[in-house]
Amino acid sequence: MSKGSLACVGLGMTLGAHLAPRARSFIEKADVVFAAVSDPLVELWVQEMHRDVRSLQPYYGEGKPRNLAYREMVAAMLVEVRAGKQVCGAFYGHPGVFACVPHMAISRAKEEGFDAVMEAAVSAEDCLYADLGIDPGTFGCQHYEASQFMFYRRRVDPSAYLILWQVGIAGDPTLTRVGTGDLYREVLLELLAADYPLDHDVIAYEAATLPLYPPRMEHMLLRQLPHASLNAETTLVIPPGRSLEPNLEVTSRLSRLAEEEAGLAPL
């Protein structure tokens, strides 16, 4: 029996537009493909590439903790790997960005001595930069999962972009809900109000998943956040709320070093 292997690849965000040749090759050459996509059309598209595509969506269930569903998905993939099959996990977006199942499955497979790889892909973050015209090198970007941002004390730099992922389920401690409501977002708003004015402009962003539909880029005031229409795919983008503050002590030291290297320092 041949030794099994695992490849986790990304389909990109927009149907048919982002799939890289190497990722397609993994899908087409696999013995079995497990697909984790949120749109039925995308799943049908994957099925056109392979005869044995098994959806991971049925592992989710109303009231079922997501971490339990994730463990079951990993277990299903590893059963086939242990059976000697070449397994491919096809995930929307990037398989390593806000997708714990690929990381868990690859780690488990490697621990058991199987070959396992992750293939990079276009993520929602990549689309966000392009759609909103943001260069992360200009002011810097802070990325947090929204619930984690609420559960732990984080240091916010208002001179950089603050990007909160999965804001539609922010604050859910049970990992079972598909959305949280106004009261949960009021808590998030209180946290953000410590660093940003309530009339600060923010953006609810969702990458386009189908070619015929544009991305969602809805501007609103921060104070409107609790009553906004948000879901698990929504990302909250908070532009800088204040200017960069020069670190004069450090820049002065660096200037002296540059002068010394150029032989310009006074004797």
C-alpha atoms as a PDB file:
ATOM      1  CA  MET A   1       0.000   0.000   0.000  1.00  0.00           C
ATOM      2  CA  SER A   2       1.311   3.449  -0.909  1.00  0.00           C
ATOM      3  CA  LYS A   3       2.000   5.914   1.845  1.00  0.00           C
ATOM      4  CA  GLY A   4      -0.656   8.588   2.284  1.00  0.00           C
ATOM      5  CA  SER A   5      -0.055  12.311   2.086  1.00  0.00           C
ATOM      6  CA  LEU A   6      -1.902  15.546   2.695  1.00  0.00           C
ATOM      7  CA  ALA A   7      -1.938  18.838   0.810  1.00  0.00           C
ATOM      8  CA  CYS A   8      -4.021  21.772   1.997  1.00  0.00           C
ATOM      9  CA  VAL A   9      -4.588  24.327  -0.742  1.00  0.00           C
ATOM     10  CA  GLY A  10      -6.485  27.578  -1.089  1.00  0.00           C
ATOM     11  CA  LEU A  11      -9.097  28.332  -3.718  1.00  0.00           C
ATOM     12  CA  GLY A  12      -8.749  32.079  -3.327  1.00  0.00           C
ATOM     13  CA  MET A  13     -11.716  34.320  -2.611  1.00  0.00           C
ATOM     14  CA  THR A  14     -13.402  34.891  -5.982  1.00  0.00           C
ATOM     15  CA  LEU A  15     -14.785  31.889  -7.857  1.00  0.00           C
ATOM     16  CA  GLY A  16     -12.397  30.803 -10.608  1.00  0.00           C
ATOM     17  CA  ALA A  17     -10.228  33.920 -10.431  1.00  0.00           C
ATOM     18  CA  HIS A  18      -7.611  33.065  -7.814  1.00  0.00           C
ATOM     19  CA  LEU A  19      -6.841  29.354  -8.144  1.00  0.00           C
ATOM     20  CA  ALA A  20      -3.114  28.880  -8.744  1.00  0.00           C
ATOM     21  CA  PRO A  21      -1.797  26.131 -11.077  1.00  0.00           C
ATOM     22  CA  ARG A  22      -0.049  24.249  -8.271  1.00  0.00           C
ATOM     23  CA  ALA A  23      -3.198  24.213  -6.125  1.00  0.00           C
ATOM     24  CA  ARG A  24      -5.250  22.945  -9.068  1.00  0.00           C
ATOM     25  CA  SER A  25      -2.680  20.212  -9.629  1.00  0.00           C
ATOM     26  CA  PHE A  26      -2.987  19.020  -6.027  1.00  0.00           C
ATOM     27  CA  ILE A  27      -6.769  18.859  -6.417  1.00  0.00           C
ATOM     28  CA  GLU A  28      -6.721  17.018  -9.732  1.00  0.00           C
ATOM     29  CA  LYS A  29      -4.089  14.449  -8.706  1.00  0.00           C
ATOM     30  CA  ALA A  30      -5.539  13.630  -5.270  1.00  0.00           C
ATOM     31  CA  ASP A  31      -7.337  10.384  -4.500  1.00  0.00           C
ATOM     32  CA  VAL A  32      -9.907  12.264  -2.441  1.00  0.00           C
ATOM     33  CA  VAL A  33     -10.623  15.972  -1.972  1.00  0.00           C
ATOM     34  CA  PHE A  34     -12.195  17.510   1.127  1.00  0.00           C
ATOM     35  CA  ALA A  35     -13.744  20.906   0.406  1.00  0.00           C
ATOM     36  CA  ALA A  36     -14.439  23.668   2.912  1.00  0.00           C
ATOM     37  CA  VAL A  37     -16.261  26.432   1.080  1.00  0.00           C
ATOM     38  CA  SER A  38     -19.104  28.707   2.086  1.00  0.00           C
ATOM     39  CA  ASP A  39     -20.838  28.984  -1.294  1.00  0.00           C
ATOM     40  CA  PRO A  40     -22.568  26.028  -3.049  1.00  0.00           C
ATOM     41  CA  LEU A  41     -21.452  27.352  -6.444  1.00  0.00           C
ATOM     42  CA  VAL A  42     -17.828  27.160  -5.372  1.00  0.00           C
ATOM     43  CA  GLU A  43     -18.327  23.578  -4.207  1.00  0.00           C
ATOM     44  CA  LEU A  44     -19.845  22.646  -7.572  1.00  0.00           C
ATOM     45  CA  TRP A  45     -16.848  24.232  -9.274  1.00  0.00           C
ATOM     46  CA  VAL A  46     -14.450  22.101  -7.198  1.00  0.00           C
ATOM     47  CA  GLN A  47     -16.463  19.009  -8.081  1.00  0.00           C
ATOM     48  CA  GLU A  48     -15.796  19.712 -11.757  1.00  0.00           C
ATOM     49  CA  MET A  49     -12.087  19.218 -11.036  1.00  0.00           C
ATOM     50  CA  HIS A  50     -12.361  15.882  -9.212  1.00  0.00           C
ATOM     51  CA  ARG A  51     -14.687  12.891  -9.075  1.00  0.00           C
ATOM     52  CA  ASP A  52     -14.488  12.438  -5.272  1.00  0.00           C
ATOM     53  CA  VAL A  53     -15.102  15.731  -3.467  1.00  0.00           C
ATOM     54  CA  ARG A  54     -16.411  15.520   0.086  1.00  0.00           C
ATOM     55  CA  SER A  55     -17.852  18.606   1.705  1.00  0.00           C
ATOM     56  CA  LEU A  56     -16.727  19.544   5.208  1.00  0.00           C
ATOM     57  CA  GLN A  57     -19.737  21.813   5.744  1.00  0.00           C
ATOM     58  CA  PRO A  58     -21.965  19.051   7.238  1.00  0.00           C
ATOM     59  CA  TYR A  59     -19.673  18.891  10.254  1.00  0.00           C
ATOM     60  CA  TYR A  60     -21.091  22.228  11.378  1.00  0.00           C
ATOM     61  CA  GLY A  61     -24.362  22.120  13.279  1.00  0.00           C
ATOM     62  CA  GLU A  62     -26.687  24.479  15.107  1.00  0.00           C
ATOM     63  CA  GLY A  63     -25.568  24.719  18.717  1.00  0.00           C
ATOM     64  CA  LYS A  64     -22.488  22.584  18.020  1.00  0.00           C
ATOM     65  CA  PRO A  65     -19.171  24.111  19.157  1.00  0.00           C
ATOM     66  CA  ARG A  66     -17.013  24.992  16.182  1.00  0.00           C
ATOM     67  CA  ASN A  67     -13.896  23.555  17.807  1.00  0.00           C
ATOM     68  CA  LEU A  68     -15.631  20.137  17.931  1.00  0.00           C
ATOM     69  CA  ALA A  69     -16.516  20.416  14.246  1.00  0.00           C
ATOM     70  CA  TYR A  70     -12.907  21.314  13.453  1.00  0.00           C
ATOM     71  CA  ARG A  71     -11.582  18.223  15.255  1.00  0.00           C
ATOM     72  CA  GLU A  72     -14.031  16.026  13.362  1.00  0.00           C
ATOM     73  CA  MET A  73     -12.935  17.509  10.041  1.00  0.00           C
ATOM     74  CA  VAL A  74      -9.302  16.803  10.842  1.00  0.00           C
ATOM     75  CA  ALA A  75     -10.160  13.250  11.875  1.00  0.00           C
ATOM     76  CA  ALA A  76     -12.024  12.604   8.614  1.00  0.00           C
ATOM     77  CA  MET A  77      -9.065  13.787   6.532  1.00  0.00           C
ATOM     78  CA  LEU A  78      -6.543  11.768   8.527  1.00  0.00           C
ATOM     79  CA  VAL A  79      -8.559   8.559   8.137  1.00  0.00           C
ATOM     80  CA  GLU A  80      -7.950   8.740   4.390  1.00  0.00           C
ATOM     81  CA  VAL A  81      -4.294   9.687   4.779  1.00  0.00           C
ATOM     82  CA  ARG A  82      -3.718   6.670   7.041  1.00  0.00           C
ATOM     83  CA  ALA A  83      -5.433   4.513   4.428  1.00  0.00           C
ATOM     84  CA  GLY A  84      -2.621   5.377   2.022  1.00  0.00           C
ATOM     85  CA  LYS A  85      -4.471   7.946  -0.058  1.00  0.00           C
ATOM     86  CA  GLN A  86      -3.207  11.215  -1.497  1.00  0.00           C
ATOM     87  CA  VAL A  87      -5.560  13.642   0.236  1.00  0.00           C
ATOM     88  CA  CYS A  88      -6.206  17.260  -0.684  1.00  0.00           C
ATOM     89  CA  GLY A  89      -8.036  19.735   1.501  1.00  0.00           C
ATOM     90  CA  ALA A  90      -9.401  22.624  -0.567  1.00  0.00           C
ATOM     91  CA  PHE A  91     -10.303  25.685   1.480  1.00  0.00           C
ATOM     92  CA  TYR A  92     -11.690  29.018   0.338  1.00  0.00           C
ATOM     93  CA  GLY A  93      -9.243  31.883   0.601  1.00  0.00           C
ATOM     94  CA  HIS A  94      -5.823  31.008   2.005  1.00  0.00           C
ATOM     95  CA  PRO A  95      -5.657  27.667   3.856  1.00  0.00           C
ATOM     96  CA  GLY A  96      -3.530  29.165   6.598  1.00  0.00           C
ATOM     97  CA  VAL A  97      -5.421  32.404   7.242  1.00  0.00           C
ATOM     98  CA  PHE A  98      -8.259  32.178   9.771  1.00  0.00           C
ATOM     99  CA  ALA A  99      -8.510  28.472   9.027  1.00  0.00           C
ATOM    100  CA  CYS A 100      -7.379  26.259  11.886  1.00  0.00           C
ATOM    101  CA  VAL A 101      -8.346  22.921  10.280  1.00  0.00           C
ATOM    102  CA  PRO A 102      -5.501  22.929   7.709  1.00  0.00           C
ATOM    103  CA  HIS A 103      -2.950  23.791  10.405  1.00  0.00           C
ATOM    104  CA  MET A 104      -4.274  21.081  12.711  1.00  0.00           C
ATOM    105  CA  ALA A 105      -4.455  18.457   9.964  1.00  0.00           C
ATOM    106  CA  ILE A 106      -0.974  19.150   8.636  1.00  0.00           C
ATOM    107  CA  SER A 107       0.502  19.090  12.141  1.00  0.00           C
ATOM    108  CA  ARG A 108      -1.204  15.774  12.930  1.00  0.00           C
ATOM    109  CA  ALA A 109      -0.137  14.224   9.632  1.00  0.00           C
ATOM    110  CA  LYS A 110       3.489  15.220  10.144  1.00  0.00           C
ATOM    111  CA  GLU A 111       3.463  13.903  13.707  1.00  0.00           C
ATOM    112  CA  GLU A 112       2.365  10.541  12.321  1.00  0.00           C
ATOM    113  CA  GLY A 113       5.126  10.517   9.711  1.00  0.00           C
ATOM    114  CA  PHE A 114       3.164  11.489   6.612  1.00  0.00           C
ATOM    115  CA  ASP A 115       4.133  14.076   4.024  1.00  0.00           C
ATOM    116  CA  ALA A 116       1.984  17.187   4.452  1.00  0.00           C
ATOM    117  CA  VAL A 117       2.191  20.598   2.813  1.00  0.00           C
ATOM    118  CA  MET A 118       0.273  23.858   2.684  1.00  0.00           C
ATOM    119  CA  GLU A 119      -0.003  25.786  -0.556  1.00  0.00           C
ATOM    120  CA  ALA A 120      -0.357  29.563  -0.266  1.00  0.00           C
ATOM    121  CA  ALA A 121      -3.277  31.350  -1.911  1.00  0.00           C
ATOM    122  CA  VAL A 122      -5.114  34.663  -2.213  1.00  0.00           C
ATOM    123  CA  SER A 123      -6.771  35.500   1.107  1.00  0.00           C
ATOM    124  CA  ALA A 124      -9.423  37.959   2.214  1.00  0.00           C
ATOM    125  CA  GLU A 125      -6.587  40.096   3.540  1.00  0.00           C
ATOM    126  CA  ASP A 126      -5.032  40.324   0.076  1.00  0.00           C
ATOM    127  CA  CYS A 127      -8.381  41.327  -1.414  1.00  0.00           C
ATOM    128  CA  LEU A 128      -8.904  43.883   1.355  1.00  0.00           C
ATOM    129  CA  TYR A 129      -5.656  45.673   0.550  1.00  0.00           C
ATOM    130  CA  ALA A 130      -6.525  45.807  -3.151  1.00  0.00           C
ATOM    131  CA  ASP A 131     -10.188  46.773  -2.797  1.00  0.00           C
ATOM    132  CA  LEU A 132      -9.683  49.451  -0.135  1.00  0.00           C
ATOM    133  CA  GLY A 133      -6.397  50.749  -1.548  1.00  0.00           C
ATOM    134  CA  ILE A 134      -4.471  50.099   1.656  1.00  0.00           C
ATOM    135  CA  ASP A 135      -0.700  49.656   1.642  1.00  0.00           C
ATOM    136  CA  PRO A 136       0.203  48.032   4.994  1.00  0.00           C
ATOM    137  CA  GLY A 137       3.660  49.584   4.726  1.00  0.00           C
ATOM    138  CA  THR A 138       2.337  53.143   4.902  1.00  0.00           C
ATOM    139  CA  PHE A 139       0.981  53.270   8.450  1.00  0.00           C
ATOM    140  CA  GLY A 140       1.143  49.624   9.531  1.00  0.00           C
ATOM    141  CA  CYS A 141      -1.701  47.197  10.225  1.00  0.00           C
ATOM    142  CA  GLN A 142      -2.867  45.432  13.374  1.00  0.00           C
ATOM    143  CA  HIS A 143      -4.897  42.277  12.732  1.00  0.00           C
ATOM    144  CA  TYR A 144      -6.994  40.566  15.400  1.00  0.00           C
ATOM    145  CA  GLU A 145      -9.833  38.107  15.461  1.00  0.00           C
ATOM    146  CA  ALA A 146     -12.639  40.188  16.954  1.00  0.00           C
ATOM    147  CA  SER A 147     -13.528  37.870  19.840  1.00  0.00           C
ATOM    148  CA  GLN A 148      -9.889  37.388  20.780  1.00  0.00           C
ATOM    149  CA  PHE A 149      -9.516  41.157  20.734  1.00  0.00           C
ATOM    150  CA  MET A 150     -12.316  41.332  23.306  1.00  0.00           C
ATOM    151  CA  PHE A 151     -11.235  38.399  25.476  1.00  0.00           C
ATOM    152  CA  TYR A 152      -7.650  39.560  26.003  1.00  0.00           C
ATOM    153  CA  ARG A 153      -5.938  42.851  26.772  1.00  0.00           C
ATOM    154  CA  ARG A 154      -4.292  44.144  23.603  1.00  0.00           C
ATOM    155  CA  ARG A 155      -2.306  47.308  23.030  1.00  0.00           C
ATOM    156  CA  VAL A 156      -3.896  49.313  20.234  1.00  0.00           C
ATOM    157  CA  ASP A 157      -1.858  51.768  18.169  1.00  0.00           C
ATOM    158  CA  PRO A 158      -4.382  54.282  16.766  1.00  0.00           C
ATOM    159  CA  SER A 159      -1.788  55.598  14.306  1.00  0.00           C
ATOM    160  CA  ALA A 160      -1.993  52.292  12.374  1.00  0.00           C
ATOM    161  CA  TYR A 161      -4.908  50.483  10.755  1.00  0.00           C
ATOM    162  CA  LEU A 162      -6.831  48.218  13.106  1.00  0.00           C
ATOM    163  CA  ILE A 163      -8.441  45.266  11.320  1.00  0.00           C
ATOM    164  CA  LEU A 164     -10.882  43.051  13.222  1.00  0.00           C
ATOM    165  CA  TRP A 165     -11.844  39.765  11.593  1.00  0.00           C
ATOM    166  CA  GLN A 166     -15.109  37.868  12.036  1.00  0.00           C
ATOM    167  CA  VAL A 167     -16.704  40.862  13.707  1.00  0.00           C
ATOM    168  CA  GLY A 168     -20.213  39.484  13.165  1.00  0.00           C
ATOM    169  CA  ILE A 169     -19.597  36.819  15.828  1.00  0.00           C
ATOM    170  CA  ALA A 170     -17.537  39.045  18.116  1.00  0.00           C
ATOM    171  CA  GLY A 171     -17.758  38.160  21.784  1.00  0.00           C
ATOM    172  CA  ASP A 172     -19.250  34.662  21.502  1.00  0.00           C
ATOM    173  CA  PRO A 173     -17.636  32.602  24.323  1.00  0.00           C
ATOM    174  CA  THR A 174     -19.483  29.402  23.359  1.00  0.00           C
ATOM    175  CA  LEU A 175     -18.115  29.021  19.800  1.00  0.00           C
ATOM    176  CA  THR A 176     -21.596  27.889  18.773  1.00  0.00           C
ATOM    177  CA  ARG A 177     -23.295  31.011  17.452  1.00  0.00           C
ATOM    178  CA  VAL A 178     -23.444  32.152  13.838  1.00  0.00           C
ATOM    179  CA  GLY A 179     -23.864  35.765  14.916  1.00  0.00           C
ATOM    180  CA  THR A 180     -23.906  38.023  17.960  1.00  0.00           C
ATOM    181  CA  GLY A 181     -26.169  40.996  18.421  1.00  0.00           C
ATOM    182  CA  ASP A 182     -26.212  44.601  19.523  1.00  0.00           C
ATOM    183  CA  LEU A 183     -25.312  44.013  23.177  1.00  0.00           C
ATOM    184  CA  TYR A 184     -22.111  42.155  22.268  1.00  0.00           C
ATOM    185  CA  ARG A 185     -21.113  44.887  19.858  1.00  0.00           C
ATOM    186  CA  GLU A 186     -21.787  47.520  22.507  1.00  0.00           C
ATOM    187  CA  VAL A 187     -19.018  45.867  24.533  1.00  0.00           C
ATOM    188  CA  LEU A 188     -16.716  45.970  21.515  1.00  0.00           C
ATOM    189  CA  LEU A 189     -17.627  49.603  20.914  1.00  0.00           C
ATOM    190  CA  GLU A 190     -16.697  50.494  24.495  1.00  0.00           C
ATOM    191  CA  LEU A 191     -13.266  48.946  23.985  1.00  0.00           C
ATOM    192  CA  LEU A 192     -12.694  50.794  20.729  1.00  0.00           C
ATOM    193  CA  ALA A 193     -13.961  54.101  22.127  1.00  0.00           C
ATOM    194  CA  ALA A 194     -10.945  54.170  24.434  1.00  0.00           C
ATOM    195  CA  ASP A 195      -8.752  54.856  21.389  1.00  0.00           C
ATOM    196  CA  TYR A 196     -11.068  56.249  18.699  1.00  0.00           C
ATOM    197  CA  PRO A 197     -13.752  58.966  18.662  1.00  0.00           C
ATOM    198  CA  LEU A 198     -17.301  57.749  18.128  1.00  0.00           C
ATOM    199  CA  ASP A 199     -17.580  59.747  14.899  1.00  0.00           C
ATOM    200  CA  HIS A 200     -14.509  58.012  13.444  1.00  0.00           C
ATOM    201  CA  ASP A 201     -15.064  56.541   9.978  1.00  0.00           C
ATOM    202  CA  VAL A 202     -14.833  52.730   9.830  1.00  0.00           C
ATOM    203  CA  ILE A 203     -15.475  50.223   7.049  1.00  0.00           C
ATOM    204  CA  ALA A 204     -17.405  46.943   7.003  1.00  0.00           C
ATOM    205  CA  TYR A 205     -15.598  44.852   4.401  1.00  0.00           C
ATOM    206  CA  GLU A 206     -16.416  41.558   2.673  1.00  0.00           C
ATOM    207  CA  ALA A 207     -14.375  40.238  -0.245  1.00  0.00           C
ATOM    208  CA  ALA A 208     -16.192  39.296  -3.436  1.00  0.00           C
ATOM    209  CA  THR A 209     -16.772  35.544  -3.759  1.00  0.00           C
ATOM    210  CA  LEU A 210     -18.508  35.570  -7.144  1.00  0.00           C
ATOM    211  CA  PRO A 211     -17.192  37.460 -10.202  1.00  0.00           C
ATOM    212  CA  LEU A 212     -20.495  39.245 -10.878  1.00  0.00           C
ATOM    213  CA  TYR A 213     -20.798  40.755  -7.403  1.00  0.00           C
ATOM    214  CA  PRO A 214     -18.660  43.587  -6.024  1.00  0.00           C
ATOM    215  CA  PRO A 215     -16.999  43.469  -2.620  1.00  0.00           C
ATOM    216  CA  ARG A 216     -18.791  45.063   0.306  1.00  0.00           C
ATOM    217  CA  MET A 217     -17.078  48.287   1.396  1.00  0.00           C
ATOM    218  CA  GLU A 218     -19.600  50.017   3.620  1.00  0.00           C
ATOM    219  CA  HIS A 219     -18.479  53.149   5.431  1.00  0.00           C
ATOM    220  CA  MET A 220     -20.096  54.063   8.742  1.00  0.00           C
ATOM    221  CA  LEU A 221     -19.382  55.958  11.924  1.00  0.00           C
ATOM    222  CA  LEU A 222     -17.913  53.948  14.756  1.00  0.00           C
ATOM    223  CA  ARG A 223     -20.979  54.731  16.884  1.00  0.00           C
ATOM    224  CA  GLN A 224     -23.142  52.884  14.346  1.00  0.00           C
ATOM    225  CA  LEU A 225     -21.310  49.598  14.821  1.00  0.00           C
ATOM    226  CA  PRO A 226     -23.756  47.906  17.242  1.00  0.00           C
ATOM    227  CA  HIS A 227     -26.681  48.242  14.821  1.00  0.00           C
ATOM    228  CA  ALA A 228     -24.809  47.522  11.587  1.00  0.00           C
ATOM    229  CA  SER A 229     -25.532  44.489   9.409  1.00  0.00           C
ATOM    230  CA  LEU A 230     -22.607  42.166  10.124  1.00  0.00           C
ATOM    231  CA  ASN A 231     -21.943  38.456   9.662  1.00  0.00           C
ATOM    232  CA  ALA A 232     -19.128  35.986  10.232  1.00  0.00           C
ATOM    233  CA  GLU A 233     -17.469  36.996   6.934  1.00  0.00           C
ATOM    234  CA  THR A 234     -17.465  40.719   7.756  1.00  0.00           C
ATOM    235  CA  THR A 235     -14.162  42.386   8.576  1.00  0.00           C
ATOM    236  CA  LEU A 236     -14.125  45.715  10.395  1.00  0.00           C
ATOM    237  CA  VAL A 237     -11.452  48.072   9.087  1.00  0.00           C
ATOM    238  CA  ILE A 238     -10.587  51.012  11.325  1.00  0.00           C
ATOM    239  CA  PRO A 239      -8.318  53.582   9.637  1.00  0.00           C
ATOM    240  CA  PRO A 240      -5.718  55.443  11.701  1.00  0.00           C
ATOM    241  CA  GLY A 241      -7.220  57.809  14.237  1.00  0.00           C
ATOM    242  CA  ARG A 242      -4.164  59.935  14.813  1.00  0.00           C
ATOM    243  CA  SER A 243      -0.901  60.841  13.092  1.00  0.00           C
ATOM    244  CA  LEU A 244       2.310  58.917  13.474  1.00  0.00           C
ATOM    245  CA  GLU A 245       4.334  60.259  16.399  1.00  0.00           C
ATOM    246  CA  PRO A 246       8.049  60.650  15.615  1.00  0.00           C
ATOM    247  CA  ASN A 247      10.465  58.952  17.997  1.00  0.00           C
ATOM    248  CA  LEU A 248      12.976  61.797  18.128  1.00  0.00           C
ATOM    249  CA  GLU A 249      15.400  59.996  20.432  1.00  0.00           C
ATOM    250  CA  VAL A 250      15.762  57.028  18.091  1.00  0.00           C
ATOM    251  CA  THR A 251      15.877  59.074  14.887  1.00  0.00           C
ATOM    252  CA  SER A 252      18.582  61.283  16.426  1.00  0.00           C
ATOM    253  CA  ARG A 253      20.686  58.244  17.289  1.00  0.00           C
ATOM    254  CA  LEU A 254      20.257  56.835  13.807  1.00  0.00           C
ATOM    255  CA  SER A 255      21.268  60.143  12.245  1.00  0.00           C
ATOM    256  CA  ARG A 256      24.470  60.184  14.305  1.00  0.00           C
ATOM    257  CA  LEU A 257      25.244  56.619  13.228  1.00  0.00           C
ATOM    258  CA  ALA A 258      24.733  57.562   9.584  1.00  0.00           C
ATOM    259  CA  GLU A 259      27.015  60.564   9.992  1.00  0.00           C
ATOM    260  CA  GLU A 260      29.722  58.444  11.645  1.00  0.00           C
ATOM    261  CA  GLU A 261      29.553  55.877   8.863  1.00  0.00           C
ATOM    262  CA  ALA A 262      29.897  58.653   6.295  1.00  0.00           C
ATOM    263  CA  GLY A 263      32.872  60.108   8.161  1.00  0.00           C
ATOM    264  CA  LEU A 264      31.005  63.321   8.909  1.00  0.00           C
ATOM    265  CA  ALA A 265      30.889  63.087  12.698  1.00  0.00           C
ATOM    266  CA  PRO A 266      32.749  65.921  14.477  1.00  0.00           C
ATOM    267  CA  LEU A 267      36.075  65.028  16.094  1.00  0.00           C
END
